[in-house]
N, C-alpha and C. Protein backbone atom coordinates (compact mmCIF):
# COMPACT_ATOMS: atom_id res chain seq x y z
N UNK A 1 -77.50 -10.14 -26.53
CA UNK A 1 -76.05 -9.80 -25.90
C UNK A 1 -76.39 -8.74 -24.70
N UNK A 2 -77.88 -7.89 -25.25
CA UNK A 2 -77.80 -6.59 -23.88
C UNK A 2 -78.62 -7.72 -22.52
N UNK A 3 -79.27 -8.46 -23.31
CA UNK A 3 -80.00 -9.47 -21.96
C UNK A 3 -79.06 -10.25 -21.13
N UNK A 4 -77.94 -10.74 -21.67
CA UNK A 4 -77.11 -11.25 -21.01
C UNK A 4 -76.33 -10.48 -20.36
N UNK A 5 -76.17 -9.28 -20.14
CA UNK A 5 -75.24 -8.26 -19.62
C UNK A 5 -76.52 -7.87 -18.43
N UNK A 6 -77.56 -7.81 -18.93
CA UNK A 6 -78.59 -6.74 -17.78
C UNK A 6 -78.44 -8.43 -16.62
N UNK A 7 -78.40 -9.78 -17.09
CA UNK A 7 -78.33 -10.94 -16.35
C UNK A 7 -77.15 -10.84 -15.38
N UNK A 8 -76.26 -10.55 -15.99
CA UNK A 8 -74.84 -10.86 -15.42
C UNK A 8 -75.01 -9.74 -14.70
N UNK A 9 -75.19 -8.74 -14.62
CA UNK A 9 -75.48 -7.50 -13.59
C UNK A 9 -76.19 -7.58 -12.73
N UNK A 10 -77.43 -8.19 -13.06
CA UNK A 10 -78.24 -8.55 -11.49
C UNK A 10 -77.58 -9.72 -10.63
N UNK A 11 -77.12 -10.60 -11.70
CA UNK A 11 -76.40 -11.65 -10.73
C UNK A 11 -75.05 -11.14 -9.69
N UNK A 12 -74.44 -10.30 -10.34
CA UNK A 12 -73.35 -9.84 -9.86
C UNK A 12 -73.82 -8.94 -8.49
N UNK A 13 -74.96 -8.09 -8.50
CA UNK A 13 -75.62 -7.08 -7.50
C UNK A 13 -75.90 -8.33 -6.38
N UNK A 14 -76.54 -9.42 -7.01
CA UNK A 14 -77.42 -10.38 -6.08
C UNK A 14 -76.06 -11.00 -5.04
N UNK A 15 -75.08 -11.03 -5.78
CA UNK A 15 -74.06 -11.92 -4.88
C UNK A 15 -73.40 -10.70 -3.99
N UNK A 16 -73.22 -9.67 -4.39
CA UNK A 16 -72.73 -8.46 -3.35
C UNK A 16 -73.50 -8.20 -2.42
N UNK A 17 -74.79 -8.65 -2.73
CA UNK A 17 -75.95 -8.42 -1.07
C UNK A 17 -75.88 -9.44 -0.36
N UNK A 18 -75.43 -10.70 -0.82
CA UNK A 18 -75.36 -11.52 -0.01
C UNK A 18 -74.23 -11.71 0.72
N UNK A 19 -73.16 -11.31 0.38
CA UNK A 19 -71.84 -11.25 1.25
C UNK A 19 -71.18 -9.89 2.07
N UNK A 20 -72.21 -8.76 1.77
CA UNK A 20 -71.93 -7.65 2.11
C UNK A 20 -72.66 -8.05 3.76
N UNK A 21 -72.27 -7.42 4.88
CA UNK A 21 -73.04 -7.39 6.30
C UNK A 21 -73.55 -6.02 6.32
N UNK A 22 -74.81 -6.01 6.44
CA UNK A 22 -75.56 -4.39 6.59
C UNK A 22 -74.87 -3.72 7.76
N UNK A 23 -74.66 -2.33 7.96
CA UNK A 23 -74.16 -1.68 8.71
C UNK A 23 -74.53 -1.71 10.38
N UNK A 24 -76.10 -1.65 10.12
CA UNK A 24 -77.07 -1.91 11.29
C UNK A 24 -76.34 -3.66 11.92
N UNK A 25 -76.09 -4.47 10.99
CA UNK A 25 -75.98 -5.42 11.57
C UNK A 25 -74.49 -5.61 12.54
N UNK A 26 -73.82 -4.92 12.24
CA UNK A 26 -72.22 -4.70 12.68
C UNK A 26 -72.01 -4.32 13.84
N UNK A 27 -71.56 -5.42 14.95
CA UNK A 27 -71.11 -4.67 16.09
C UNK A 27 -70.15 -3.99 16.34
N UNK A 28 -69.78 -2.77 16.91
CA UNK A 28 -68.66 -2.21 17.25
C UNK A 28 -68.15 -3.12 18.89
N UNK A 29 -66.77 -3.20 18.53
CA UNK A 29 -66.33 -4.07 20.06
C UNK A 29 -66.10 -2.93 21.16
N UNK A 30 -66.58 -3.33 22.48
CA UNK A 30 -66.65 -2.73 23.63
C UNK A 30 -65.62 -2.56 24.29
N UNK A 31 -65.22 -1.47 24.92
CA UNK A 31 -64.24 -1.42 25.70
C UNK A 31 -64.44 -2.10 27.19
N UNK A 32 -63.66 -2.67 27.46
CA UNK A 32 -63.92 -3.63 28.87
C UNK A 32 -62.78 -2.79 29.76
N UNK A 33 -63.52 -3.03 31.24
CA UNK A 33 -62.79 -2.14 32.37
C UNK A 33 -61.66 -2.59 32.75
N UNK A 34 -60.75 -3.91 32.06
CA UNK A 34 -59.58 -4.31 32.59
C UNK A 34 -58.66 -3.77 31.12
N UNK A 35 -59.15 -3.56 29.93
CA UNK A 35 -58.22 -3.37 28.86
C UNK A 35 -58.41 -4.29 28.02
N UNK A 36 -59.14 -5.77 28.10
CA UNK A 36 -58.62 -6.70 27.32
C UNK A 36 -59.82 -6.84 26.28
N UNK A 37 -60.21 -8.11 25.65
CA UNK A 37 -61.24 -8.25 24.83
C UNK A 37 -62.26 -9.21 25.04
N UNK A 38 -63.35 -8.20 25.09
CA UNK A 38 -64.51 -8.91 25.23
C UNK A 38 -65.12 -10.27 24.38
N UNK A 39 -65.39 -11.04 25.20
CA UNK A 39 -66.09 -12.37 24.58
C UNK A 39 -67.41 -12.25 24.72
N UNK A 40 -68.21 -11.29 23.96
CA UNK A 40 -69.66 -11.12 24.06
C UNK A 40 -70.65 -12.45 23.90
N UNK A 41 -70.35 -13.63 23.44
CA UNK A 41 -70.73 -14.63 22.95
C UNK A 41 -70.97 -15.45 24.28
N UNK A 42 -70.78 -15.09 25.10
CA UNK A 42 -70.61 -15.80 26.56
C UNK A 42 -71.66 -15.53 27.55
N UNK A 43 -72.28 -16.21 28.27
CA UNK A 43 -73.01 -15.96 29.38
C UNK A 43 -72.45 -16.13 30.51
N UNK A 44 -71.90 -15.02 31.64
CA UNK A 44 -71.92 -14.06 31.54
C UNK A 44 -70.76 -13.16 30.51
N UNK A 45 -70.74 -11.93 30.12
CA UNK A 45 -69.67 -12.04 29.16
C UNK A 45 -68.28 -11.87 29.79
N UNK A 46 -67.12 -12.54 29.24
CA UNK A 46 -66.00 -12.62 29.68
C UNK A 46 -64.97 -11.93 29.02
N UNK A 47 -64.12 -11.32 29.87
CA UNK A 47 -63.13 -10.62 29.09
C UNK A 47 -61.73 -11.18 29.33
N UNK A 48 -61.05 -11.37 27.97
CA UNK A 48 -59.82 -12.22 28.16
C UNK A 48 -58.78 -11.24 28.16
N UNK A 49 -57.54 -11.33 29.12
CA UNK A 49 -56.52 -9.85 29.32
C UNK A 49 -55.42 -10.74 29.44
N UNK A 50 -54.62 -10.50 28.90
CA UNK A 50 -53.14 -11.05 28.80
C UNK A 50 -52.31 -9.99 29.52
N UNK A 51 -51.84 -10.56 30.79
CA UNK A 51 -51.30 -9.93 31.94
C UNK A 51 -49.56 -9.77 31.24
N UNK A 52 -48.94 -8.92 31.90
CA UNK A 52 -47.79 -8.32 31.71
C UNK A 52 -46.70 -9.86 31.41
N UNK A 53 -46.91 -10.81 32.27
CA UNK A 53 -46.41 -11.93 32.61
C UNK A 53 -46.65 -12.87 31.16
N UNK A 54 -47.26 -12.66 30.68
CA UNK A 54 -47.88 -13.42 29.57
C UNK A 54 -49.02 -14.46 30.01
N UNK A 55 -49.22 -14.34 31.42
CA UNK A 55 -50.54 -15.02 31.85
C UNK A 55 -52.01 -14.43 31.50
N UNK A 56 -52.66 -15.38 31.56
CA UNK A 56 -54.07 -15.06 30.94
C UNK A 56 -55.33 -14.70 31.87
N UNK A 57 -56.09 -14.00 32.31
CA UNK A 57 -56.83 -13.66 33.14
C UNK A 57 -58.22 -13.81 32.56
N UNK A 58 -59.28 -14.62 32.92
CA UNK A 58 -60.36 -14.44 32.33
C UNK A 58 -61.49 -13.32 33.59
N UNK A 59 -62.32 -12.33 33.03
CA UNK A 59 -63.11 -12.08 34.07
C UNK A 59 -64.55 -11.73 33.72
N UNK A 60 -65.59 -11.79 34.78
CA UNK A 60 -66.77 -12.04 33.93
C UNK A 60 -67.55 -10.79 34.13
N UNK A 61 -68.86 -10.37 33.33
CA UNK A 61 -69.20 -9.46 33.48
C UNK A 61 -71.17 -9.56 33.40
N UNK A 62 -71.72 -9.10 34.16
CA UNK A 62 -73.78 -8.82 33.53
C UNK A 62 -73.39 -8.18 31.87
N UNK A 63 -75.06 -7.90 31.98
CA UNK A 63 -74.89 -6.97 30.73
C UNK A 63 -74.87 -5.48 30.62
N UNK A 64 -74.86 -5.05 32.03
CA UNK A 64 -74.50 -3.92 32.18
C UNK A 64 -72.84 -3.40 32.43
N UNK A 65 -72.29 -4.38 32.27
CA UNK A 65 -70.46 -4.45 32.25
C UNK A 65 -69.99 -4.36 34.07
N UNK A 66 -71.38 -4.98 34.85
CA UNK A 66 -70.51 -4.77 36.29
C UNK A 66 -70.26 -6.46 36.46
N UNK A 67 -68.94 -6.22 37.42
CA UNK A 67 -68.26 -7.52 37.48
C UNK A 67 -69.44 -8.63 38.30
N UNK A 68 -68.86 -9.97 37.77
CA UNK A 68 -69.64 -10.98 38.47
C UNK A 68 -68.78 -12.11 38.48
N UNK A 69 -68.97 -12.72 40.06
CA UNK A 69 -68.13 -13.76 39.98
C UNK A 69 -67.80 -15.04 39.06
N UNK A 70 -66.67 -15.50 38.75
CA UNK A 70 -66.81 -16.75 38.22
C UNK A 70 -67.11 -18.05 39.22
N UNK A 71 -68.26 -18.74 38.56
CA UNK A 71 -68.70 -19.88 39.23
C UNK A 71 -68.51 -21.22 38.57
N UNK A 72 -69.28 -21.57 37.51
CA UNK A 72 -69.14 -22.56 37.45
C UNK A 72 -68.80 -22.76 35.86
N UNK A 73 -68.25 -21.48 35.49
CA UNK A 73 -67.60 -21.58 34.21
C UNK A 73 -66.18 -22.31 33.82
N UNK A 74 -65.99 -22.77 32.64
CA UNK A 74 -64.80 -23.22 32.42
C UNK A 74 -64.51 -23.05 31.06
N UNK A 75 -62.68 -22.52 31.65
CA UNK A 75 -62.04 -21.99 30.27
C UNK A 75 -60.94 -22.89 29.66
N UNK A 76 -60.80 -22.99 28.19
CA UNK A 76 -59.52 -23.35 28.26
C UNK A 76 -58.85 -22.58 27.05
N UNK A 77 -57.64 -21.92 26.90
CA UNK A 77 -57.12 -21.20 25.54
C UNK A 77 -56.19 -22.35 24.81
N UNK A 78 -56.50 -22.28 23.48
CA UNK A 78 -55.46 -23.02 22.77
C UNK A 78 -54.67 -21.93 21.99
N UNK A 79 -53.41 -21.93 22.01
CA UNK A 79 -52.38 -21.14 21.36
C UNK A 79 -51.90 -21.46 20.34
N UNK A 80 -51.71 -21.11 18.86
CA UNK A 80 -50.85 -21.78 17.92
C UNK A 80 -49.97 -21.35 17.47
N UNK A 81 -48.93 -20.81 18.00
CA UNK A 81 -47.71 -19.87 17.26
C UNK A 81 -47.02 -20.79 16.50
N UNK A 82 -46.07 -20.56 15.66
CA UNK A 82 -45.21 -21.16 14.45
C UNK A 82 -44.56 -22.56 15.39
N UNK A 83 -44.15 -22.17 16.65
CA UNK A 83 -43.52 -23.59 17.36
C UNK A 83 -44.27 -24.63 17.82
N UNK A 84 -45.63 -24.46 17.87
CA UNK A 84 -46.55 -25.70 17.78
C UNK A 84 -47.61 -25.47 19.04
N UNK A 85 -48.77 -26.01 18.90
CA UNK A 85 -49.56 -25.54 19.54
C UNK A 85 -49.40 -25.61 21.46
N UNK A 86 -50.03 -24.56 22.40
CA UNK A 86 -50.15 -25.06 23.49
C UNK A 86 -51.54 -24.73 24.56
N UNK A 87 -51.81 -25.49 24.93
CA UNK A 87 -53.11 -25.21 25.72
C UNK A 87 -52.78 -24.85 27.17
N UNK A 88 -53.79 -23.57 27.83
CA UNK A 88 -53.99 -23.17 28.94
C UNK A 88 -55.18 -23.40 29.67
N UNK A 89 -54.74 -24.21 30.72
CA UNK A 89 -56.11 -24.84 31.43
C UNK A 89 -55.85 -23.32 32.66
N UNK A 90 -57.06 -23.18 33.24
CA UNK A 90 -57.39 -22.19 34.04
C UNK A 90 -57.58 -22.55 35.42
N UNK A 91 -57.51 -21.92 36.32
CA UNK A 91 -58.01 -22.21 37.92
C UNK A 91 -58.59 -20.72 38.44
N UNK A 92 -59.71 -20.87 39.20
CA UNK A 92 -60.34 -19.71 39.68
C UNK A 92 -59.41 -19.16 40.86
N UNK A 93 -59.49 -17.46 40.41
CA UNK A 93 -58.33 -17.11 41.98
C UNK A 93 -59.32 -15.91 42.06
N UNK A 94 -60.14 -15.67 43.51
CA UNK A 94 -60.70 -14.54 43.53
C UNK A 94 -62.13 -14.64 42.83
N UNK A 95 -62.63 -13.68 42.10
CA UNK A 95 -63.72 -13.59 41.17
C UNK A 95 -63.40 -14.16 39.80
N UNK A 96 -62.03 -14.44 39.57
CA UNK A 96 -62.11 -14.51 37.94
C UNK A 96 -61.00 -15.79 38.03
N UNK A 97 -61.03 -16.24 36.81
CA UNK A 97 -59.84 -17.38 36.36
C UNK A 97 -58.67 -16.90 35.63
N UNK A 98 -57.77 -17.44 36.09
CA UNK A 98 -56.25 -17.40 35.78
C UNK A 98 -55.78 -18.61 35.21
N UNK A 99 -54.51 -17.81 34.05
CA UNK A 99 -54.22 -19.66 33.75
C UNK A 99 -53.19 -19.83 34.41
N UNK A 100 -53.27 -21.34 34.33
CA UNK A 100 -52.00 -21.68 35.19
C UNK A 100 -50.48 -21.63 34.43
N UNK A 101 -50.17 -21.56 33.20
CA UNK A 101 -49.08 -21.26 32.40
C UNK A 101 -49.01 -20.19 31.57
N UNK A 102 -48.31 -19.57 30.98
CA UNK A 102 -48.48 -18.28 30.13
C UNK A 102 -48.40 -18.74 28.41
N UNK A 103 -48.92 -17.70 28.03
CA UNK A 103 -49.08 -17.81 26.60
C UNK A 103 -47.44 -17.63 26.14
N UNK A 104 -47.38 -18.64 24.76
CA UNK A 104 -46.20 -18.78 24.30
C UNK A 104 -45.59 -17.21 23.76
N UNK A 105 -44.22 -17.01 23.62
CA UNK A 105 -43.95 -15.92 23.15
C UNK A 105 -44.12 -15.70 21.76
N UNK A 106 -44.37 -14.38 21.28
CA UNK A 106 -44.07 -13.80 20.30
C UNK A 106 -45.93 -13.32 19.94
N UNK A 107 -46.05 -13.01 18.61
CA UNK A 107 -47.67 -12.60 18.40
C UNK A 107 -48.08 -12.71 16.99
N UNK A 108 -49.31 -12.50 16.93
CA UNK A 108 -49.57 -12.73 15.31
C UNK A 108 -49.99 -14.13 15.52
N UNK A 109 -50.65 -14.88 16.46
CA UNK A 109 -50.72 -16.37 16.05
C UNK A 109 -51.86 -16.45 16.50
N UNK A 110 -52.80 -17.36 16.23
CA UNK A 110 -54.52 -17.65 16.62
C UNK A 110 -54.17 -18.02 17.76
N UNK A 111 -55.25 -17.65 18.42
CA UNK A 111 -55.96 -18.44 19.78
C UNK A 111 -57.17 -18.58 19.49
N UNK A 112 -57.95 -19.66 20.24
CA UNK A 112 -58.89 -20.20 20.43
C UNK A 112 -59.27 -20.34 21.93
N UNK A 113 -60.34 -19.55 22.17
CA UNK A 113 -61.00 -19.79 23.98
C UNK A 113 -62.01 -20.48 23.80
N UNK A 114 -61.73 -21.81 24.57
CA UNK A 114 -62.99 -22.54 24.76
C UNK A 114 -63.67 -22.48 25.90
N UNK A 115 -65.05 -22.03 25.59
CA UNK A 115 -65.60 -21.34 26.99
C UNK A 115 -66.80 -22.30 27.48
N UNK A 116 -67.01 -22.81 28.52
CA UNK A 116 -68.08 -23.90 28.88
C UNK A 116 -68.52 -22.97 29.66
N UNK A 117 -69.98 -22.77 29.97
CA UNK A 117 -70.84 -22.22 31.57
C UNK A 117 -70.81 -23.42 32.33
N UNK A 118 -70.64 -24.67 32.23
CA UNK A 118 -70.60 -25.64 33.26
C UNK A 118 -69.52 -26.57 32.92
N UNK A 119 -69.11 -27.48 33.78
CA UNK A 119 -67.75 -28.17 32.95
C UNK A 119 -68.56 -29.20 32.30
N UNK A 120 -69.86 -29.79 31.91
CA UNK A 120 -70.21 -31.16 31.21
C UNK A 120 -71.00 -30.17 30.03
N UNK A 121 -71.60 -28.80 29.89
CA UNK A 121 -71.34 -27.89 28.81
C UNK A 121 -70.98 -28.10 27.38
N UNK A 122 -71.55 -28.19 26.29
CA UNK A 122 -70.98 -28.03 24.74
C UNK A 122 -70.08 -27.08 24.90
N UNK A 123 -68.72 -26.88 24.50
CA UNK A 123 -67.67 -25.93 24.44
C UNK A 123 -68.29 -24.63 23.31
N UNK A 124 -68.08 -23.43 23.60
CA UNK A 124 -68.02 -22.49 22.52
C UNK A 124 -66.88 -22.06 22.17
N UNK A 125 -66.72 -22.34 21.29
CA UNK A 125 -65.32 -21.40 20.66
C UNK A 125 -65.21 -20.50 19.79
N UNK A 126 -64.45 -19.18 20.51
CA UNK A 126 -64.06 -18.17 20.08
C UNK A 126 -62.61 -17.78 19.54
N UNK A 127 -62.56 -17.40 18.21
CA UNK A 127 -61.26 -17.50 18.02
C UNK A 127 -60.54 -15.87 17.45
N UNK A 128 -59.74 -15.80 17.67
CA UNK A 128 -59.17 -14.35 17.39
C UNK A 128 -57.67 -14.37 17.24
N UNK A 129 -57.15 -13.69 17.08
CA UNK A 129 -55.22 -13.48 16.35
C UNK A 129 -54.95 -12.53 17.64
N UNK A 130 -53.72 -13.19 18.14
CA UNK A 130 -53.23 -12.75 19.29
C UNK A 130 -52.04 -11.69 18.88
N UNK A 131 -52.44 -10.19 19.04
CA UNK A 131 -51.53 -8.97 18.92
C UNK A 131 -51.16 -8.38 19.98
N UNK A 132 -50.28 -8.34 20.47
CA UNK A 132 -50.01 -7.44 21.67
C UNK A 132 -49.55 -5.98 21.57
N UNK A 133 -48.97 -6.01 20.42
CA UNK A 133 -48.63 -4.46 20.13
C UNK A 133 -49.68 -3.42 20.52
N UNK A 134 -49.23 -2.06 20.94
CA UNK A 134 -50.61 -1.28 21.13
C UNK A 134 -50.54 -0.53 20.02
N UNK A 135 -52.06 -0.33 19.68
CA UNK A 135 -52.77 0.27 18.63
C UNK A 135 -52.57 1.80 19.13
N UNK A 136 -51.86 2.25 17.77
CA UNK A 136 -51.99 3.77 17.67
C UNK A 136 -53.00 4.70 17.86
N UNK A 137 -54.42 3.98 17.57
CA UNK A 137 -55.43 5.07 18.11
C UNK A 137 -56.36 5.05 19.29
N UNK A 138 -56.55 3.48 19.71
CA UNK A 138 -57.39 3.64 21.08
C UNK A 138 -56.20 3.14 21.95
N UNK A 139 -54.95 2.81 21.77
CA UNK A 139 -53.62 2.55 22.99
C UNK A 139 -54.07 1.40 23.76
N UNK A 140 -54.71 0.71 23.16
CA UNK A 140 -55.17 -0.39 23.80
C UNK A 140 -53.97 -1.54 22.83
N UNK A 141 -54.03 -2.93 23.61
CA UNK A 141 -53.32 -4.12 22.86
C UNK A 141 -54.27 -3.82 21.90
N UNK A 142 -53.78 -4.81 20.33
CA UNK A 142 -54.58 -5.21 19.46
C UNK A 142 -55.38 -6.02 19.60
N UNK A 143 -54.95 -6.88 20.37
CA UNK A 143 -55.98 -8.02 20.63
C UNK A 143 -57.31 -7.76 21.18
N UNK A 144 -57.34 -6.46 21.64
CA UNK A 144 -58.73 -5.75 22.40
C UNK A 144 -58.76 -4.19 21.97
N UNK A 145 -58.17 -4.16 20.85
CA UNK A 145 -58.67 -2.79 20.00
C UNK A 145 -60.04 -2.71 19.69
N UNK A 146 -60.78 -1.56 20.30
CA UNK A 146 -61.97 -0.99 20.14
C UNK A 146 -62.05 0.18 18.79
N UNK A 147 -60.97 0.23 18.20
CA UNK A 147 -61.09 1.31 16.88
C UNK A 147 -61.82 -0.06 15.79
N UNK A 148 -62.54 1.08 14.49
CA UNK A 148 -63.03 0.18 13.65
C UNK A 148 -62.06 0.06 12.20
N UNK A 149 -60.94 -0.43 12.18
CA UNK A 149 -60.14 -0.19 11.58
C UNK A 149 -59.45 -1.98 11.07
């Protein structure tokens, strides 16, 4: 019985170790110049900003968070509210990409940003929950919150 208890304890400890992310590997969200959500797994880094009229603007930054113009990047956003999926296409305006249509009303629904470095590149899908209410701690929209909660 004692040997079984030790094996069970060891197995439990190993499982916890496998599913726990070490603090050193965890990345804190970075603040962005325009108050949006930083999509760090893109090159250059992309910032997702929901405008007051619910259109979406994508700004681009280098590693030092200095603005860079949109060039060959292609972005599509798929919003999935309870009323049904909506797809937003983007066009270049100035140095950024701006959605041709607006996000559906409501919040708390999933958003997928499909990012392509070039039109024929494989898309990179970035997912998050769209919550536009203001975070009480950092005073940013919740989808772009930089607090650790």
